[in-house]
C-alpha atoms as a PDB file:
ATOM      1  CA  GLU A   1      46.688  96.103  85.918  1.00  0.00           C
ATOM      2  CA  VAL A   2      44.955  93.178  87.637  1.00  0.00           C
ATOM      3  CA  ARG A   3      42.576  92.729  84.672  1.00  0.00           C
ATOM      4  CA  LEU A   4      45.564  92.574  82.330  1.00  0.00           C
ATOM      5  CA  SER A   5      47.334  89.972  84.476  1.00  0.00           C
ATOM      6  CA  ILE A   6      44.172  87.854  84.713  1.00  0.00           C
ATOM      7  CA  ARG A   7      43.735  87.982  80.933  1.00  0.00           C
ATOM      8  CA  ARG A   8      47.422  87.118  80.420  1.00  0.00           C
ATOM      9  CA  GLY A   9      46.972  84.272  82.858  1.00  0.00           C
ATOM     10  CA  LEU A  10      43.997  82.961  80.876  1.00  0.00           C
ATOM     11  CA  CYS A  11      46.041  83.062  77.667  1.00  0.00           C
ATOM     12  CA  TRP A  12      48.895  81.280  79.416  1.00  0.00           C
ATOM     13  CA  LEU A  13      46.467  78.692  80.751  1.00  0.00           C
ATOM     14  CA  GLY A  14      45.176  78.012  77.253  1.00  0.00           C
ATOM     15  CA  VAL A  15      48.706  77.362  76.033  1.00  0.00           C
ATOM     16  CA  MET A  16      49.448  75.234  79.089  1.00  0.00           C
ATOM     17  CA  THR A  17      46.321  73.167  78.490  1.00  0.00           C
ATOM     18  CA  VAL A  18      47.534  72.236  75.035  1.00  0.00           C
ATOM     19  CA  LEU A  19      50.903  71.284  76.495  1.00  0.00           C
ATOM     20  CA  LEU A  20      49.368  69.439  79.434  1.00  0.00           C
ATOM     21  CA  ALA A  21      47.039  67.371  77.267  1.00  0.00           C
ATOM     22  CA  SER A  22      49.905  65.003  76.643  1.00  0.00           C
ATOM     23  CA  CYS A  23      50.781  64.996  80.346  1.00  0.00           C
ATOM     24  CA  ALA A  24      47.363  64.047  81.719  1.00  0.00           C
ATOM     25  CA  PRO A  25      47.405  61.806  84.787  1.00  0.00           C
ATOM     26  CA  ALA A  26      47.890  58.136  83.944  1.00  0.00           C
ATOM     27  CA  GLY A  27      44.770  56.359  82.802  1.00  0.00           C
ATOM     28  CA  GLN A  28      42.988  59.534  81.714  1.00  0.00           C
ATOM     29  CA  GLU A  29      41.395  59.643  78.299  1.00  0.00           C
ATOM     30  CA  GLU A  30      40.602  62.778  76.346  1.00  0.00           C
ATOM     31  CA  VAL A  31      37.112  63.329  74.965  1.00  0.00           C
ATOM     32  CA  VAL A  32      37.448  64.547  71.392  1.00  0.00           C
ATOM     33  CA  SER A  33      34.096  66.241  70.858  1.00  0.00           C
ATOM     34  CA  TRP A  34      32.856  68.885  73.294  1.00  0.00           C
ATOM     35  CA  GLU A  35      31.246  72.299  72.962  1.00  0.00           C
ATOM     36  CA  GLU A  36      31.420  74.755  75.819  1.00  0.00           C
ATOM     37  CA  PRO A  37      28.014  75.746  77.226  1.00  0.00           C
ATOM     38  CA  ALA A  38      27.276  79.497  77.207  1.00  0.00           C
ATOM     39  CA  TRP A  39      27.011  79.725  80.995  1.00  0.00           C
ATOM     40  CA  MET A  40      30.742  78.967  81.348  1.00  0.00           C
ATOM     41  CA  ALA A  41      31.783  82.151  79.535  1.00  0.00           C
ATOM     42  CA  GLN A  42      29.383  84.181  81.694  1.00  0.00           C
ATOM     43  CA  ALA A  43      30.680  82.443  84.829  1.00  0.00           C
ATOM     44  CA  ARG A  44      34.235  83.495  83.926  1.00  0.00           C
ATOM     45  CA  LEU A  45      33.144  87.108  83.451  1.00  0.00           C
ATOM     46  CA  ASP A  46      31.181  87.117  86.724  1.00  0.00           C
ATOM     47  CA  LEU A  47      34.109  85.589  88.577  1.00  0.00           C
ATOM     48  CA  GLU A  48      36.597  88.063  87.129  1.00  0.00           C
ATOM     49  CA  GLU A  49      34.346  90.982  88.099  1.00  0.00           C
ATOM     50  CA  TYR A  50      33.957  89.590  91.622  1.00  0.00           C
ATOM     51  CA  GLN A  51      37.716  89.163  91.998  1.00  0.00           C
ATOM     52  CA  LEU A  52      38.568  92.626  90.670  1.00  0.00           C
ATOM     53  CA  ARG A  53      35.940  94.349  92.814  1.00  0.00           C
ATOM     54  CA  THR A  54      36.950  92.419  95.933  1.00  0.00           C
ATOM     55  CA  LEU A  55      40.656  93.137  95.433  1.00  0.00           C
ATOM     56  CA  ALA A  56      39.875  96.834  94.895  1.00  0.00           C
ATOM     57  CA  CYS A  57      37.749  96.903  98.046  1.00  0.00           C
ATOM     58  CA  LEU A  58      40.515  95.306 100.093  1.00  0.00           C
ATOM     59  CA  ARG A  59      43.057  97.801  98.705  1.00  0.00           C
ATOM     60  CA  GLU A  60      40.741 100.683  99.632  1.00  0.00           C
ATOM     61  CA  GLY A  61      40.837  99.302 103.181  1.00  0.00           C
ATOM     62  CA  GLY A  62      44.644  99.164 103.123  1.00  0.00           C
ATOM     63  CA  PHE A  63      45.129  95.424 102.558  1.00  0.00           C
ATOM     64  CA  ASP A  64      46.171  93.143  99.718  1.00  0.00           C
ATOM     65  CA  GLY A  65      44.238  90.095  98.680  1.00  0.00           C
ATOM     66  CA  MET A  66      45.060  86.665  97.336  1.00  0.00           C
ATOM     67  CA  ILE A  67      43.073  84.841  94.655  1.00  0.00           C
ATOM     68  CA  ALA A  68      42.633  81.090  94.965  1.00  0.00           C
ATOM     69  CA  LEU A  69      41.986  78.668  92.143  1.00  0.00           C
ATOM     70  CA  GLY A  70      38.224  78.516  91.973  1.00  0.00           C
ATOM     71  CA  GLY A  71      37.860  82.263  92.518  1.00  0.00           C
ATOM     72  CA  LEU A  72      37.885  82.849  96.259  1.00  0.00           C
ATOM     73  CA  VAL A  73      39.577  86.086  97.346  1.00  0.00           C
ATOM     74  CA  SER A  74      41.227  86.136 100.763  1.00  0.00           C
ATOM     75  CA  ILE A  75      42.692  89.063 102.652  1.00  0.00           C
ATOM     76  CA  HIS A  76      46.431  89.106 103.283  1.00  0.00           C
ATOM     77  CA  ILE A  77      47.322  90.165 106.826  1.00  0.00           C
ATOM     78  CA  PRO A  78      50.957  91.323 106.779  1.00  0.00           C
ATOM     79  CA  VAL A  79      53.378  89.852 109.306  1.00  0.00           C
ATOM     80  CA  ASP A  80      56.934  90.654 110.324  1.00  0.00           C
ATOM     81  CA  GLU A  81      59.938  88.393 109.774  1.00  0.00           C
ATOM     82  CA  HIS A  82      58.922  86.361 112.862  1.00  0.00           C
ATOM     83  CA  GLY A  83      55.373  85.789 111.637  1.00  0.00           C
ATOM     84  CA  ASN A  84      53.831  88.276 114.062  1.00  0.00           C
ATOM     85  CA  GLU A  85      51.075  90.664 113.044  1.00  0.00           C
ATOM     86  CA  ALA A  86      51.240  94.313 114.006  1.00  0.00           C
ATOM     87  CA  PRO A  87      48.895  95.025 116.933  1.00  0.00           C
ATOM     88  CA  GLY A  88      45.316  95.423 115.737  1.00  0.00           C
ATOM     89  CA  GLN A  89      46.051  94.359 112.148  1.00  0.00           C
ATOM     90  CA  LEU A  90      44.076  91.108 112.349  1.00  0.00           C
ATOM     91  CA  ASP A  91      40.991  92.826 113.780  1.00  0.00           C
ATOM     92  CA  LEU A  92      41.248  95.657 111.244  1.00  0.00           C
ATOM     93  CA  GLY A  93      41.777  93.178 108.415  1.00  0.00           C
ATOM     94  CA  MET A  94      38.772  91.089 109.435  1.00  0.00           C
ATOM     95  CA  SER A  95      36.670  94.253 109.597  1.00  0.00           C
ATOM     96  CA  VAL A  96      37.783  95.264 106.086  1.00  0.00           C
ATOM     97  CA  ALA A  97      37.187  91.717 104.794  1.00  0.00           C
ATOM     98  CA  ALA A  98      33.660  91.676 106.275  1.00  0.00           C
ATOM     99  CA  ARG A  99      32.884  95.071 104.734  1.00  0.00           C
ATOM    100  CA  CYS A 100      34.106  93.872 101.331  1.00  0.00           C
ATOM    101  CA  HIS A 101      32.160  90.626 101.637  1.00  0.00           C
ATOM    102  CA  ASP A 102      28.995  92.663 102.234  1.00  0.00           C
ATOM    103  CA  ALA A 103      29.786  95.216  99.517  1.00  0.00           C
ATOM    104  CA  VAL A 104      30.740  92.885  96.663  1.00  0.00           C
ATOM    105  CA  PRO A 105      28.090  90.409  95.552  1.00  0.00           C
ATOM    106  CA  GLN A 106      29.308  86.859  94.980  1.00  0.00           C
ATOM    107  CA  PRO A 107      29.097  85.435  91.471  1.00  0.00           C
ATOM    108  CA  PRO A 108      25.458  84.449  90.783  1.00  0.00           C
ATOM    109  CA  LEU A 109      26.220  80.757  90.251  1.00  0.00           C
ATOM    110  CA  TRP A 110      27.746  80.546  93.733  1.00  0.00           C
ATOM    111  CA  GLU A 111      24.358  81.397  95.177  1.00  0.00           C
ATOM    112  CA  SER A 112      22.080  79.387  92.870  1.00  0.00           C
ATOM    113  CA  PRO A 113      19.808  76.695  94.339  1.00  0.00           C
ATOM    114  CA  GLN A 114      21.012  73.110  94.559  1.00  0.00           C
ATOM    115  CA  ASP A 115      18.515  71.851  92.004  1.00  0.00           C
ATOM    116  CA  GLU A 116      18.333  69.920  88.724  1.00  0.00           C
ATOM    117  CA  ALA A 117      19.648  72.871  86.677  1.00  0.00           C
ATOM    118  CA  ALA A 118      22.671  73.149  88.990  1.00  0.00           C
ATOM    119  CA  PHE A 119      23.258  69.398  88.695  1.00  0.00           C
ATOM    120  CA  GLU A 120      23.208  69.696  84.898  1.00  0.00           C
ATOM    121  CA  ARG A 121      25.882  72.416  85.128  1.00  0.00           C
ATOM    122  CA  MET A 122      27.991  70.085  87.284  1.00  0.00           C
ATOM    123  CA  LEU A 123      27.697  67.438  84.591  1.00  0.00           C
ATOM    124  CA  GLU A 124      28.798  70.034  82.029  1.00  0.00           C
ATOM    125  CA  VAL A 125      31.831  70.845  84.202  1.00  0.00           C
ATOM    126  CA  ARG A 126      32.563  67.111  84.246  1.00  0.00           C
ATOM    127  CA  ASP A 127      32.286  67.037  80.431  1.00  0.00           C
ATOM    128  CA  CYS A 128      34.675  70.000  80.233  1.00  0.00           C
ATOM    129  CA  LEU A 129      37.215  68.205  82.409  1.00  0.00           C
ATOM    130  CA  LEU A 130      36.870  65.064  80.316  1.00  0.00           C
ATOM    131  CA  ALA A 131      37.323  67.096  77.124  1.00  0.00           C
ATOM    132  CA  HIS A 132      40.591  68.420  78.493  1.00  0.00           C
ATOM    133  CA  GLY A 133      41.953  65.042  79.504  1.00  0.00           C
ATOM    134  CA  PHE A 134      40.936  64.680  83.150  1.00  0.00           C
ATOM    135  CA  ASP A 135      38.438  62.041  84.298  1.00  0.00           C
ATOM    136  CA  PRO A 136      36.785  63.117  87.561  1.00  0.00           C
ATOM    137  CA  GLY A 137      34.912  59.830  87.927  1.00  0.00           C
ATOM    138  CA  GLU A 138      31.236  59.049  87.793  1.00  0.00           C
ATOM    139  CA  PRO A 139      28.707  61.479  89.265  1.00  0.00           C
ATOM    140  CA  PRO A 140      26.068  60.464  91.796  1.00  0.00           C
ATOM    141  CA  SER A 141      22.406  60.396  90.835  1.00  0.00           C
ATOM    142  CA  LEU A 142      20.454  63.665  90.840  1.00  0.00           C
ATOM    143  CA  ASP A 143      18.576  62.654  94.010  1.00  0.00           C
ATOM    144  CA  VAL A 144      21.770  61.815  95.886  1.00  0.00           C
ATOM    145  CA  TRP A 145      23.441  65.020  94.701  1.00  0.00           C
ATOM    146  CA  ILE A 146      20.518  67.195  95.833  1.00  0.00           C
ATOM    147  CA  ASP A 147      20.456  65.513  99.259  1.00  0.00           C
ATOM    148  CA  GLU A 148      24.204  65.876  99.910  1.00  0.00           C
ATOM    149  CA  PHE A 149      25.239  68.583 102.385  1.00  0.00           C
ATOM    150  CA  VAL A 150      28.431  69.162 100.409  1.00  0.00           C
ATOM    151  CA  PRO A 151      27.429  68.049  96.916  1.00  0.00           C
ATOM    152  CA  TRP A 152      29.693  66.181  94.529  1.00  0.00           C
ATOM    153  CA  ASN A 153      31.923  68.470  92.504  1.00  0.00           C
ATOM    154  CA  PRO A 154      33.854  67.039  89.533  1.00  0.00           C
ATOM    155  CA  ARG A 155      36.762  69.370  90.344  1.00  0.00           C
ATOM    156  CA  ALA A 156      37.310  67.786  93.781  1.00  0.00           C
ATOM    157  CA  GLU A 157      40.069  65.449  92.609  1.00  0.00           C
ATOM    158  CA  LEU A 158      42.028  68.101  90.696  1.00  0.00           C
ATOM    159  CA  SER A 159      44.045  69.296  93.687  1.00  0.00           C
ATOM    160  CA  ALA A 160      46.038  66.060  93.544  1.00  0.00           C
ATOM    161  CA  PHE A 161      47.376  67.240  90.153  1.00  0.00           C
ATOM    162  CA  ALA A 162      48.504  70.818  90.887  1.00  0.00           C
ATOM    163  CA  ASP A 163      49.780  71.822  87.429  1.00  0.00           C
ATOM    164  CA  TYR A 164      46.752  70.295  85.808  1.00  0.00           C
ATOM    165  CA  GLU A 165      44.468  72.085  88.271  1.00  0.00           C
ATOM    166  CA  ILE A 166      45.969  75.453  87.355  1.00  0.00           C
ATOM    167  CA  ALA A 167      45.426  74.862  83.635  1.00  0.00           C
ATOM    168  CA  LEU A 168      41.864  73.580  84.043  1.00  0.00           C
ATOM    169  CA  ASP A 169      40.760  76.242  86.531  1.00  0.00           C
ATOM    170  CA  ALA A 170      40.012  78.856  83.875  1.00  0.00           C
ATOM    171  CA  LEU A 171      38.824  76.364  81.268  1.00  0.00           C
ATOM    172  CA  CYS A 172      36.227  74.601  83.413  1.00  0.00           C
ATOM    173  CA  PRO A 173      34.739  77.109  85.887  1.00  0.00           C
ATOM    174  CA  GLN A 174      32.882  75.862  88.924  1.00  0.00           C
ATOM    175  CA  SER A 175      29.145  75.949  88.665  1.00  0.00           C
ATOM    176  CA  GLY A 176      28.440  76.880  92.245  1.00  0.00           C
ATOM    177  CA  HIS A 177      27.951  73.885  94.538  1.00  0.00           C
ATOM    178  CA  GLY A 178      30.442  72.059  96.688  1.00  0.00           C
ATOM    179  CA  LEU A 179      32.961  74.762  95.757  1.00  0.00           C
ATOM    180  CA  PHE A 180      36.649  73.881  95.907  1.00  0.00           C
ATOM    181  CA  PHE A 181      39.284  76.546  96.374  1.00  0.00           C
ATOM    182  CA  HIS A 182      43.021  76.078  96.386  1.00  0.00           C
ATOM    183  CA  PHE A 183      45.651  78.697  97.108  1.00  0.00           C
ATOM    184  CA  VAL A 184      48.736  78.233  94.953  1.00  0.00           C
ATOM    185  CA  ASP A 185      52.056  80.017  95.471  1.00  0.00           C
END
């Protein structure tokens, strides 16, 4: 059921991307020629597996989860109409979330070293964004990027363009450094 909705969402996002190409933020130019690198398809598969396994783990523990743009899965602690949690629910939920975090490995790219290969993937994410009509700006040099505590991520500016961010999330997966997540209603 979740796999089907994710796949439907990806199809919808593809259609939305075509529609959004004409609605790109002002001043954005579309790159005509671009070929997706192979790692992006694998990153999507790894992310989908992580999300499905994490959601299943949370359900086994009696909780629902929420998926953010960028792939993060967060536990949903139920509250009453006044916003109050049932006694013990937060502690139980955090225990379930910790167990799931330990049980489900994160996507491999999320844990890759911050090195030249990772920087090249970031540049490929930038190229993907450019190809789909969004200009994330110029990247820093490799040396600066490696030295940054929270490294430059070309997706950082997308949250200012919510509809665009939704469409580009599946098309241009994050490569693992300076991750940005955004929960959307």
